[in-house]
PDB file of all heavy atoms in Angstrom:
ATOM      1  N   VAL A   1     128.222  80.348  82.526  1.00  0.00           N
ATOM      2  CA  VAL A   1     128.579  81.757  82.315  1.00  0.00           C
ATOM      3  C   VAL A   1     127.450  82.670  82.784  1.00  0.00           C
ATOM      4  O   VAL A   1     127.674  83.671  83.484  1.00  0.00           O
ATOM      5  CB  VAL A   1     128.896  82.013  80.822  1.00  0.00           C
ATOM      6  CG1 VAL A   1     129.073  83.510  80.570  1.00  0.00           C
ATOM      7  CG2 VAL A   1     130.144  81.255  80.404  1.00  0.00           C
ATOM      8  N   TRP A   2     126.212  82.307  82.419  1.00  0.00           N
ATOM      9  CA  TRP A   2     125.072  83.123  82.827  1.00  0.00           C
ATOM     10  C   TRP A   2     124.825  83.030  84.326  1.00  0.00           C
ATOM     11  O   TRP A   2     124.427  84.024  84.955  1.00  0.00           O
ATOM     12  CB  TRP A   2     123.833  82.708  82.049  1.00  0.00           C
ATOM     13  CG  TRP A   2     123.829  83.224  80.650  1.00  0.00           C
ATOM     14  CD1 TRP A   2     124.054  82.534  79.504  1.00  0.00           C
ATOM     15  CD2 TRP A   2     123.624  84.582  80.255  1.00  0.00           C
ATOM     16  NE1 TRP A   2     124.004  83.354  78.411  1.00  0.00           N
ATOM     17  CE2 TRP A   2     123.739  84.625  78.837  1.00  0.00           C
ATOM     18  CE3 TRP A   2     123.355  85.761  80.951  1.00  0.00           C
ATOM     19  CZ2 TRP A   2     123.585  85.801  78.124  1.00  0.00           C
ATOM     20  CZ3 TRP A   2     123.206  86.944  80.231  1.00  0.00           C
ATOM     21  CH2 TRP A   2     123.325  86.955  78.843  1.00  0.00           C
ATOM     22  N   VAL A   3     125.032  81.852  84.904  1.00  0.00           N
ATOM     23  CA  VAL A   3     124.902  81.718  86.357  1.00  0.00           C
ATOM     24  C   VAL A   3     125.899  82.640  87.056  1.00  0.00           C
ATOM     25  O   VAL A   3     125.577  83.317  88.039  1.00  0.00           O
ATOM     26  CB  VAL A   3     125.118  80.256  86.797  1.00  0.00           C
ATOM     27  CG1 VAL A   3     125.130  80.149  88.322  1.00  0.00           C
ATOM     28  CG2 VAL A   3     124.029  79.358  86.224  1.00  0.00           C
ATOM     29  N   GLY A   4     127.140  82.687  86.539  1.00  0.00           N
ATOM     30  CA  GLY A   4     128.144  83.563  87.122  1.00  0.00           C
ATOM     31  C   GLY A   4     127.789  85.032  86.990  1.00  0.00           C
ATOM     32  O   GLY A   4     127.962  85.819  87.930  1.00  0.00           O
ATOM     33  N   ILE A   5     127.277  85.428  85.805  1.00  0.00           N
ATOM     34  CA  ILE A   5     126.887  86.825  85.591  1.00  0.00           C
ATOM     35  C   ILE A   5     125.748  87.225  86.525  1.00  0.00           C
ATOM     36  O   ILE A   5     125.778  88.290  87.162  1.00  0.00           O
ATOM     37  CB  ILE A   5     126.479  87.041  84.114  1.00  0.00           C
ATOM     38  CG1 ILE A   5     127.700  86.894  83.206  1.00  0.00           C
ATOM     39  CG2 ILE A   5     125.836  88.416  83.943  1.00  0.00           C
ATOM     40  CD1 ILE A   5     127.363  86.925  81.729  1.00  0.00           C
ATOM     41  N   ILE A   6     124.751  86.350  86.622  1.00  0.00           N
ATOM     42  CA  ILE A   6     123.617  86.633  87.513  1.00  0.00           C
ATOM     43  C   ILE A   6     124.077  86.683  88.967  1.00  0.00           C
ATOM     44  O   ILE A   6     123.664  87.561  89.742  1.00  0.00           O
ATOM     45  CB  ILE A   6     122.514  85.579  87.321  1.00  0.00           C
ATOM     46  CG1 ILE A   6     121.930  85.695  85.903  1.00  0.00           C
ATOM     47  CG2 ILE A   6     121.412  85.740  88.367  1.00  0.00           C
ATOM     48  CD1 ILE A   6     120.984  84.566  85.544  1.00  0.00           C
ATOM     49  N   GLY A   7     124.955  85.752  89.349  1.00  0.00           N
ATOM     50  CA  GLY A   7     125.478  85.750  90.717  1.00  0.00           C
ATOM     51  C   GLY A   7     126.232  87.025  91.041  1.00  0.00           C
ATOM     52  O   GLY A   7     126.062  87.614  92.120  1.00  0.00           O
ATOM     53  N   ALA A   8     127.081  87.489  90.091  1.00  0.00           N
ATOM     54  CA  ALA A   8     127.828  88.733  90.309  1.00  0.00           C
ATOM     55  C   ALA A   8     126.871  89.919  90.453  1.00  0.00           C
ATOM     56  O   ALA A   8     127.064  90.796  91.304  1.00  0.00           O
ATOM     57  CB  ALA A   8     128.799  88.966  89.155  1.00  0.00           C
ATOM     58  N   GLY A   9     125.823  89.916  89.628  1.00  0.00           N
ATOM     59  CA  GLY A   9     124.848  90.994  89.726  1.00  0.00           C
ATOM     60  C   GLY A   9     124.135  91.007  91.072  1.00  0.00           C
ATOM     61  O   GLY A   9     123.927  92.067  91.675  1.00  0.00           O
ATOM     62  N   LEU A  10     123.770  89.820  91.568  1.00  0.00           N
ATOM     63  CA  LEU A  10     123.094  89.732  92.863  1.00  0.00           C
ATOM     64  C   LEU A  10     124.006  90.170  93.999  1.00  0.00           C
ATOM     65  O   LEU A  10     123.571  90.850  94.941  1.00  0.00           O
ATOM     66  CB  LEU A  10     122.605  88.301  93.102  1.00  0.00           C
ATOM     67  CG  LEU A  10     121.447  87.815  92.215  1.00  0.00           C
ATOM     68  CD1 LEU A  10     121.179  86.342  92.450  1.00  0.00           C
ATOM     69  CD2 LEU A  10     120.186  88.628  92.484  1.00  0.00           C
ATOM     70  N   VAL A  11     125.278  89.787  93.922  1.00  0.00           N
ATOM     71  CA  VAL A  11     126.217  90.141  94.993  1.00  0.00           C
ATOM     72  C   VAL A  11     126.495  91.638  95.003  1.00  0.00           C
ATOM     73  O   VAL A  11     126.553  92.273  96.062  1.00  0.00           O
ATOM     74  CB  VAL A  11     127.540  89.350  94.829  1.00  0.00           C
ATOM     75  CG1 VAL A  11     128.603  89.884  95.788  1.00  0.00           C
ATOM     76  CG2 VAL A  11     127.305  87.864  95.066  1.00  0.00           C
ATOM     77  N   VAL A  12     126.640  92.236  93.815  1.00  0.00           N
ATOM     78  CA  VAL A  12     126.993  93.656  93.736  1.00  0.00           C
ATOM     79  C   VAL A  12     125.774  94.559  93.935  1.00  0.00           C
ATOM     80  O   VAL A  12     125.804  95.520  94.716  1.00  0.00           O
ATOM     81  CB  VAL A  12     127.674  93.962  92.379  1.00  0.00           C
ATOM     82  CG1 VAL A  12     127.906  95.463  92.230  1.00  0.00           C
ATOM     83  CG2 VAL A  12     128.986  93.207  92.267  1.00  0.00           C
ATOM     84  N   LEU A  13     124.680  94.247  93.213  1.00  0.00           N
ATOM     85  CA  LEU A  13     123.521  95.127  93.224  1.00  0.00           C
ATOM     86  C   LEU A  13     122.509  94.786  94.319  1.00  0.00           C
ATOM     87  O   LEU A  13     121.734  95.650  94.723  1.00  0.00           O
ATOM     88  CB  LEU A  13     122.818  95.091  91.857  1.00  0.00           C
ATOM     89  CG  LEU A  13     123.650  95.557  90.667  1.00  0.00           C
ATOM     90  CD1 LEU A  13     122.844  95.420  89.379  1.00  0.00           C
ATOM     91  CD2 LEU A  13     124.104  96.997  90.848  1.00  0.00           C
ATOM     92  N   GLY A  14     122.525  93.508  94.774  1.00  0.00           N
ATOM     93  CA  GLY A  14     121.546  93.089  95.778  1.00  0.00           C
ATOM     94  C   GLY A  14     121.533  93.959  97.018  1.00  0.00           C
ATOM     95  O   GLY A  14     120.469  94.467  97.431  1.00  0.00           O
ATOM     96  N   PRO A  15     122.686  94.170  97.688  1.00  0.00           N
ATOM     97  CA  PRO A  15     122.686  95.002  98.902  1.00  0.00           C
ATOM     98  C   PRO A  15     122.212  96.432  98.648  1.00  0.00           C
ATOM     99  O   PRO A  15     121.550  97.035  99.497  1.00  0.00           O
ATOM    100  CB  PRO A  15     124.165  94.984  99.331  1.00  0.00           C
ATOM    101  CG  PRO A  15     124.714  93.720  98.749  1.00  0.00           C
ATOM    102  CD  PRO A  15     123.999  93.557  97.448  1.00  0.00           C
ATOM    103  N   VAL A  16     122.534  96.981  97.463  1.00  0.00           N
ATOM    104  CA  VAL A  16     122.105  98.348  97.144  1.00  0.00           C
ATOM    105  C   VAL A  16     120.584  98.420  97.033  1.00  0.00           C
ATOM    106  O   VAL A  16     119.935  99.295  97.628  1.00  0.00           O
ATOM    107  CB  VAL A  16     122.771  98.821  95.836  1.00  0.00           C
ATOM    108  CG1 VAL A  16     122.253 100.206  95.462  1.00  0.00           C
ATOM    109  CG2 VAL A  16     124.283  98.829  95.972  1.00  0.00           C
ATOM    110  N   VAL A  17     120.015  97.480  96.261  1.00  0.00           N
ATOM    111  CA  VAL A  17     118.563  97.477  96.075  1.00  0.00           C
ATOM    112  C   VAL A  17     117.847  97.239  97.398  1.00  0.00           C
ATOM    113  O   VAL A  17     116.868  97.924  97.730  1.00  0.00           O
ATOM    114  CB  VAL A  17     118.158  96.404  95.039  1.00  0.00           C
ATOM    115  CG1 VAL A  17     116.641  96.281  94.951  1.00  0.00           C
ATOM    116  CG2 VAL A  17     118.751  96.727  93.679  1.00  0.00           C
ATOM    117  N   TRP A  18     118.355  96.268  98.181  1.00  0.00           N
ATOM    118  CA  TRP A  18     117.713  95.974  99.468  1.00  0.00           C
ATOM    119  C   TRP A  18     117.799  97.159 100.419  1.00  0.00           C
ATOM    120  O   TRP A  18     116.853  97.448 101.160  1.00  0.00           O
ATOM    121  CB  TRP A  18     118.344  94.747 100.107  1.00  0.00           C
ATOM    122  CG  TRP A  18     117.663  94.351 101.380  1.00  0.00           C
ATOM    123  CD1 TRP A  18     118.128  94.506 102.647  1.00  0.00           C
ATOM    124  CD2 TRP A  18     116.369  93.752 101.503  1.00  0.00           C
ATOM    125  NE1 TRP A  18     117.212  94.041 103.556  1.00  0.00           N
ATOM    126  CE2 TRP A  18     116.128  93.580 102.879  1.00  0.00           C
ATOM    127  CE3 TRP A  18     115.408  93.356 100.578  1.00  0.00           C
ATOM    128  CZ2 TRP A  18     114.951  93.017 103.358  1.00  0.00           C
ATOM    129  CZ3 TRP A  18     114.223  92.793 101.054  1.00  0.00           C
ATOM    130  CH2 TRP A  18     114.007  92.634 102.429  1.00  0.00           C
ATOM    131  N   GLY A  19     118.930  97.878 100.393  1.00  0.00           N
ATOM    132  CA  GLY A  19     119.063  99.063 101.235  1.00  0.00           C
ATOM    133  C   GLY A  19     118.043 100.127 100.875  1.00  0.00           C
ATOM    134  O   GLY A  19     117.457 100.772 101.764  1.00  0.00           O
ATOM    135  N   LEU A  20     117.792 100.326  99.577  1.00  0.00           N
ATOM    136  CA  LEU A  20     116.796 101.297  99.145  1.00  0.00           C
ATOM    137  C   LEU A  20     115.392 100.872  99.568  1.00  0.00           C
ATOM    138  O   LEU A  20     114.589 101.698 100.020  1.00  0.00           O
ATOM    139  CB  LEU A  20     116.861 101.472  97.625  1.00  0.00           C
ATOM    140  CG  LEU A  20     118.149 102.106  97.071  1.00  0.00           C
ATOM    141  CD1 LEU A  20     118.138 102.083  95.550  1.00  0.00           C
ATOM    142  CD2 LEU A  20     118.320 103.527  97.590  1.00  0.00           C
ATOM    143  N   VAL A  21     115.094  99.564  99.417  1.00  0.00           N
ATOM    144  CA  VAL A  21     113.775  99.057  99.824  1.00  0.00           C
ATOM    145  C   VAL A  21     113.580  99.217 101.324  1.00  0.00           C
ATOM    146  O   VAL A  21     112.518  99.648 101.797  1.00  0.00           O
ATOM    147  CB  VAL A  21     113.630  97.576  99.413  1.00  0.00           C
ATOM    148  CG1 VAL A  21     112.361  96.975 100.016  1.00  0.00           C
ATOM    149  CG2 VAL A  21     113.594  97.436  97.897  1.00  0.00           C
ATOM    150  N   ARG A  22     114.608  98.882 102.075  1.00  0.00           N
ATOM    151  CA  ARG A  22     114.528  98.982 103.538  1.00  0.00           C
ATOM    152  C   ARG A  22     114.342 100.440 103.974  1.00  0.00           C
ATOM    153  O   ARG A  22     113.539 100.742 104.872  1.00  0.00           O
ATOM    154  CB  ARG A  22     115.783  98.394 104.171  1.00  0.00           C
ATOM    155  CG  ARG A  22     115.737  98.300 105.694  1.00  0.00           C
ATOM    156  CD  ARG A  22     116.960  97.568 106.219  1.00  0.00           C
ATOM    157  NE  ARG A  22     116.842  97.324 107.651  1.00  0.00           N
ATOM    158  CZ  ARG A  22     117.182  98.219 108.573  1.00  0.00           C
ATOM    159  NH1 ARG A  22     117.677  99.388 108.209  1.00  0.00           N
ATOM    160  NH2 ARG A  22     117.045  97.930 109.853  1.00  0.00           N
ATOM    161  N   ARG A  23     115.066 101.350 103.331  1.00  0.00           N
ATOM    162  CA  ARG A  23     114.941 102.766 103.686  1.00  0.00           C
ATOM    163  C   ARG A  23     113.538 103.268 103.393  1.00  0.00           C
ATOM    164  O   ARG A  23     112.953 104.023 104.192  1.00  0.00           O
ATOM    165  CB  ARG A  23     115.965 103.580 102.908  1.00  0.00           C
ATOM    166  CG  ARG A  23     115.952 105.067 103.244  1.00  0.00           C
ATOM    167  CD  ARG A  23     117.007 105.801 102.438  1.00  0.00           C
ATOM    168  NE  ARG A  23     118.341 105.274 102.703  1.00  0.00           N
ATOM    169  CZ  ARG A  23     119.436 105.703 102.075  1.00  0.00           C
ATOM    170  NH1 ARG A  23     119.345 106.630 101.132  1.00  0.00           N
ATOM    171  NH2 ARG A  23     120.618 105.184 102.362  1.00  0.00           N
ATOM    172  N   ALA A  24     112.971 102.850 102.250  1.00  0.00           N
ATOM    173  CA  ALA A  24     111.612 103.275 101.908  1.00  0.00           C
ATOM    174  C   ALA A  24     110.593 102.733 102.906  1.00  0.00           C
ATOM    175  O   ALA A  24     109.665 103.443 103.314  1.00  0.00           O
ATOM    176  CB  ALA A  24     111.268 102.817 100.494  1.00  0.00           C
ATOM    177  N   ALA A  25     110.765 101.467 103.311  1.00  0.00           N
ATOM    178  CA  ALA A  25     109.829 100.865 104.271  1.00  0.00           C
ATOM    179  C   ALA A  25     109.907 101.564 105.620  1.00  0.00           C
ATOM    180  O   ALA A  25     108.882 101.865 106.249  1.00  0.00           O
ATOM    181  CB  ALA A  25     110.132  99.378 104.425  1.00  0.00           C
ATOM    182  N   LEU A  26     111.124 101.841 106.093  1.00  0.00           N
ATOM    183  CA  LEU A  26     111.280 102.520 107.377  1.00  0.00           C
ATOM    184  C   LEU A  26     110.741 103.938 107.316  1.00  0.00           C
ATOM    185  O   LEU A  26     110.187 104.451 108.291  1.00  0.00           O
ATOM    186  CB  LEU A  26     112.757 102.529 107.775  1.00  0.00           C
ATOM    187  CG  LEU A  26     113.365 101.159 108.109  1.00  0.00           C
ATOM    188  CD1 LEU A  26     114.854 101.296 108.420  1.00  0.00           C
ATOM    189  CD2 LEU A  26     112.643 100.504 109.272  1.00  0.00           C
ATOM    190  N   SER A  27     110.900 104.581 106.150  1.00  0.00           N
ATOM    191  CA  SER A  27     110.368 105.939 105.995  1.00  0.00           C
ATOM    192  C   SER A  27     108.853 105.936 106.083  1.00  0.00           C
ATOM    193  O   SER A  27     108.247 106.804 106.731  1.00  0.00           O
ATOM    194  CB  SER A  27     110.833 106.515 104.662  1.00  0.00           C
ATOM    195  OG  SER A  27     110.273 107.793 104.451  1.00  0.00           O
ATOM    196  N   ARG A  28     108.212 104.953 105.440  1.00  0.00           N
ATOM    197  CA  ARG A  28     106.749 104.862 105.514  1.00  0.00           C
ATOM    198  C   ARG A  28     106.292 104.612 106.945  1.00  0.00           C
ATOM    199  O   ARG A  28     105.309 105.180 107.409  1.00  0.00           O
ATOM    200  CB  ARG A  28     106.241 103.744 104.600  1.00  0.00           C
ATOM    201  CG  ARG A  28     106.275 104.095 103.118  1.00  0.00           C
ATOM    202  CD  ARG A  28     105.399 103.143 102.329  1.00  0.00           C
ATOM    203  NE  ARG A  28     105.819 101.753 102.510  1.00  0.00           N
ATOM    204  CZ  ARG A  28     106.721 101.149 101.760  1.00  0.00           C
ATOM    205  NH1 ARG A  28     107.316 101.811 100.777  1.00  0.00           N
ATOM    206  NH2 ARG A  28     107.046  99.883 101.965  1.00  0.00           N
ATOM    207  N   ASP A  29     107.014 103.708 107.661  1.00  0.00           N
ATOM    208  CA  ASP A  29     106.646 103.422 109.044  1.00  0.00           C
ATOM    209  C   ASP A  29     106.788 104.668 109.909  1.00  0.00           C
ATOM    210  O   ASP A  29     105.955 104.945 110.781  1.00  0.00           O
ATOM    211  CB  ASP A  29     107.521 102.296 109.598  1.00  0.00           C
ATOM    212  CG  ASP A  29     107.179 100.949 108.993  1.00  0.00           C
ATOM    213  OD1 ASP A  29     106.029 100.787 108.560  1.00  0.00           O
ATOM    214  OD2 ASP A  29     108.064 100.070 108.953  1.00  0.00           O
ATOM    215  N   GLY A  30     107.859 105.447 109.669  1.00  0.00           N
ATOM    216  CA  GLY A  30     108.050 106.669 110.443  1.00  0.00           C
ATOM    217  C   GLY A  30     106.955 107.679 110.179  1.00  0.00           C
ATOM    218  O   GLY A  30     106.445 108.319 111.110  1.00  0.00           O
ATOM    219  N   SER A  31     106.556 107.820 108.911  1.00  0.00           N
ATOM    220  CA  SER A  31     105.479 108.740 108.570  1.00  0.00           C
ATOM    221  C   SER A  31     104.162 108.304 109.195  1.00  0.00           C
ATOM    222  O   SER A  31     103.383 109.119 109.693  1.00  0.00           O
ATOM    223  CB  SER A  31     105.327 108.835 107.045  1.00  0.00           C
ATOM    224  OG  SER A  31     106.519 109.301 106.451  1.00  0.00           O
ATOM    225  N   ARG A  32     103.917 106.965 109.173  1.00  0.00           N
ATOM    226  CA  ARG A  32     102.676 106.448 109.744  1.00  0.00           C
ATOM    227  C   ARG A  32     102.601 106.719 111.239  1.00  0.00           C
ATOM    228  O   ARG A  32     101.577 107.136 111.772  1.00  0.00           O
ATOM    229  CB  ARG A  32     102.566 104.944 109.461  1.00  0.00           C
ATOM    230  CG  ARG A  32     101.226 104.346 109.844  1.00  0.00           C
ATOM    231  CD  ARG A  32     101.205 102.844 109.580  1.00  0.00           C
ATOM    232  NE  ARG A  32     101.368 102.563 108.161  1.00  0.00           N
ATOM    233  CZ  ARG A  32     102.463 102.005 107.637  1.00  0.00           C
ATOM    234  NH1 ARG A  32     103.483 101.704 108.423  1.00  0.00           N
ATOM    235  NH2 ARG A  32     102.535 101.774 106.348  1.00  0.00           N
ATOM    236  N   ARG A  33     103.727 106.487 111.944  1.00  0.00           N
ATOM    237  CA  ARG A  33     103.728 106.728 113.385  1.00  0.00           C
ATOM    238  C   ARG A  33     103.594 108.217 113.687  1.00  0.00           C
ATOM    239  O   ARG A  33     102.972 108.614 114.675  1.00  0.00           O
ATOM    240  CB  ARG A  33     105.011 106.181 113.997  1.00  0.00           C
ATOM    241  CG  ARG A  33     104.999 104.657 114.160  1.00  0.00           C
ATOM    242  CD  ARG A  33     106.258 104.162 114.827  1.00  0.00           C
ATOM    243  NE  ARG A  33     107.404 104.291 113.925  1.00  0.00           N
ATOM    244  CZ  ARG A  33     108.655 104.002 114.275  1.00  0.00           C
ATOM    245  NH1 ARG A  33     108.912 103.624 115.508  1.00  0.00           N
ATOM    246  NH2 ARG A  33     109.632 104.122 113.404  1.00  0.00           N
ATOM    247  N   GLY A  34     104.189 109.058 112.798  1.00  0.00           N
ATOM    248  CA  GLY A  34     104.068 110.495 113.005  1.00  0.00           C
ATOM    249  C   GLY A  34     102.632 110.967 112.882  1.00  0.00           C
ATOM    250  O   GLY A  34     102.149 111.771 113.688  1.00  0.00           O
ATOM    251  N   ARG A  35     101.919 110.439 111.885  1.00  0.00           N
ATOM    252  CA  ARG A  35     100.517 110.811 111.712  1.00  0.00           C
ATOM    253  C   ARG A  35      99.678 110.313 112.876  1.00  0.00           C
ATOM    254  O   ARG A  35      98.763 110.995 113.346  1.00  0.00           O
ATOM    255  CB  ARG A  35      99.978 110.264 110.393  1.00  0.00           C
ATOM    256  CG  ARG A  35     100.559 110.953 109.150  1.00  0.00           C
ATOM    257  CD  ARG A  35      99.737 110.606 107.909  1.00  0.00           C
ATOM    258  NE  ARG A  35      99.735 109.179 107.655  1.00  0.00           N
ATOM    259  CZ  ARG A  35     100.624 108.578 106.876  1.00  0.00           C
ATOM    260  NH1 ARG A  35     101.616 109.261 106.333  1.00  0.00           N
ATOM    261  NH2 ARG A  35     100.555 107.269 106.656  1.00  0.00           N
ATOM    262  N   ALA A  36      99.995 109.070 113.326  1.00  0.00           N
ATOM    263  CA  ALA A  36      99.241 108.514 114.462  1.00  0.00           C
ATOM    264  C   ALA A  36      99.458 109.343 115.707  1.00  0.00           C
ATOM    265  O   ALA A  36      98.527 109.615 116.490  1.00  0.00           O
ATOM    266  CB  ALA A  36      99.647 107.058 114.710  1.00  0.00           C
ATOM    267  N   GLY A  37     100.706 109.799 115.933  1.00  0.00           N
ATOM    268  CA  GLY A  37     101.005 110.620 117.112  1.00  0.00           C
ATOM    269  C   GLY A  37     100.314 111.975 117.035  1.00  0.00           C
ATOM    270  O   GLY A  37      99.783 112.470 118.026  1.00  0.00           O
ATOM    271  N   ALA A  38     100.285 112.585 115.843  1.00  0.00           N
ATOM    272  CA  ALA A  38      99.621 113.862 115.681  1.00  0.00           C
ATOM    273  C   ALA A  38      98.112 113.738 115.928  1.00  0.00           C
ATOM    274  O   ALA A  38      97.483 114.578 116.544  1.00  0.00           O
ATOM    275  CB  ALA A  38      99.883 114.423 114.280  1.00  0.00           C
ATOM    276  N   GLY A  39      97.526 112.626 115.458  1.00  0.00           N
ATOM    277  CA  GLY A  39      96.118 112.407 115.663  1.00  0.00           C
ATOM    278  C   GLY A  39      95.766 112.237 117.125  1.00  0.00           C
ATOM    279  O   GLY A  39      94.751 112.757 117.610  1.00  0.00           O
ATOM    280  N   SER A  40      96.626 111.532 117.867  1.00  0.00           N
ATOM    281  CA  SER A  40      96.352 111.339 119.305  1.00  0.00           C
ATOM    282  C   SER A  40      96.478 112.641 120.077  1.00  0.00           C
ATOM    283  O   SER A  40      95.771 112.859 121.053  1.00  0.00           O
ATOM    284  CB  SER A  40      97.309 110.282 119.876  1.00  0.00           C
ATOM    285  OG  SER A  40      98.642 110.738 119.789  1.00  0.00           O
ATOM    286  N   ARG A  41      97.372 113.535 119.612  1.00  0.00           N
ATOM    287  CA  ARG A  41      97.524 114.805 120.310  1.00  0.00           C
ATOM    288  C   ARG A  41      96.331 115.725 120.070  1.00  0.00           C
ATOM    289  O   ARG A  41      95.962 116.534 120.908  1.00  0.00           O
ATOM    290  CB  ARG A  41      98.793 115.517 119.853  1.00  0.00           C
ATOM    291  CG  ARG A  41     100.071 114.882 120.401  1.00  0.00           C
ATOM    292  CD  ARG A  41     101.261 115.789 120.169  1.00  0.00           C
ATOM    293  NE  ARG A  41     101.525 116.008 118.754  1.00  0.00           N
ATOM    294  CZ  ARG A  41     102.341 115.230 118.046  1.00  0.00           C
ATOM    295  NH1 ARG A  41     102.935 114.189 118.619  1.00  0.00           N
ATOM    296  NH2 ARG A  41     102.565 115.483 116.772  1.00  0.00           N
ATOM    297  N   ARG A  42      95.682 115.576 118.888  1.00  0.00           N
ATOM    298  CA  ARG A  42      94.504 116.411 118.598  1.00  0.00           C
ATOM    299  C   ARG A  42      93.247 115.908 119.268  1.00  0.00           C
ATOM    300  O   ARG A  42      92.273 116.631 119.408  1.00  0.00           O
ATOM    301  CB  ARG A  42      94.265 116.468 117.078  1.00  0.00           C
ATOM    302  CG  ARG A  42      95.317 117.263 116.314  1.00  0.00           C
ATOM    303  CD  ARG A  42      94.804 117.593 114.927  1.00  0.00           C
ATOM    304  NE  ARG A  42      94.588 116.364 114.159  1.00  0.00           N
ATOM    305  CZ  ARG A  42      95.506 115.819 113.377  1.00  0.00           C
ATOM    306  NH1 ARG A  42      96.720 116.364 113.279  1.00  0.00           N
ATOM    307  NH2 ARG A  42      95.245 114.736 112.680  1.00  0.00           N
TER     308      ARG A  42
END
């Protein structure tokens, strides 16, 4: 029963959590490249 509950939670919530993590990581990478580009222009 607990294996099923945990499995359902991973299937339903897993993609949502991973999407948020991925968006945060890509946002940080974009900010880092933006700062690097601004520094090279100065």
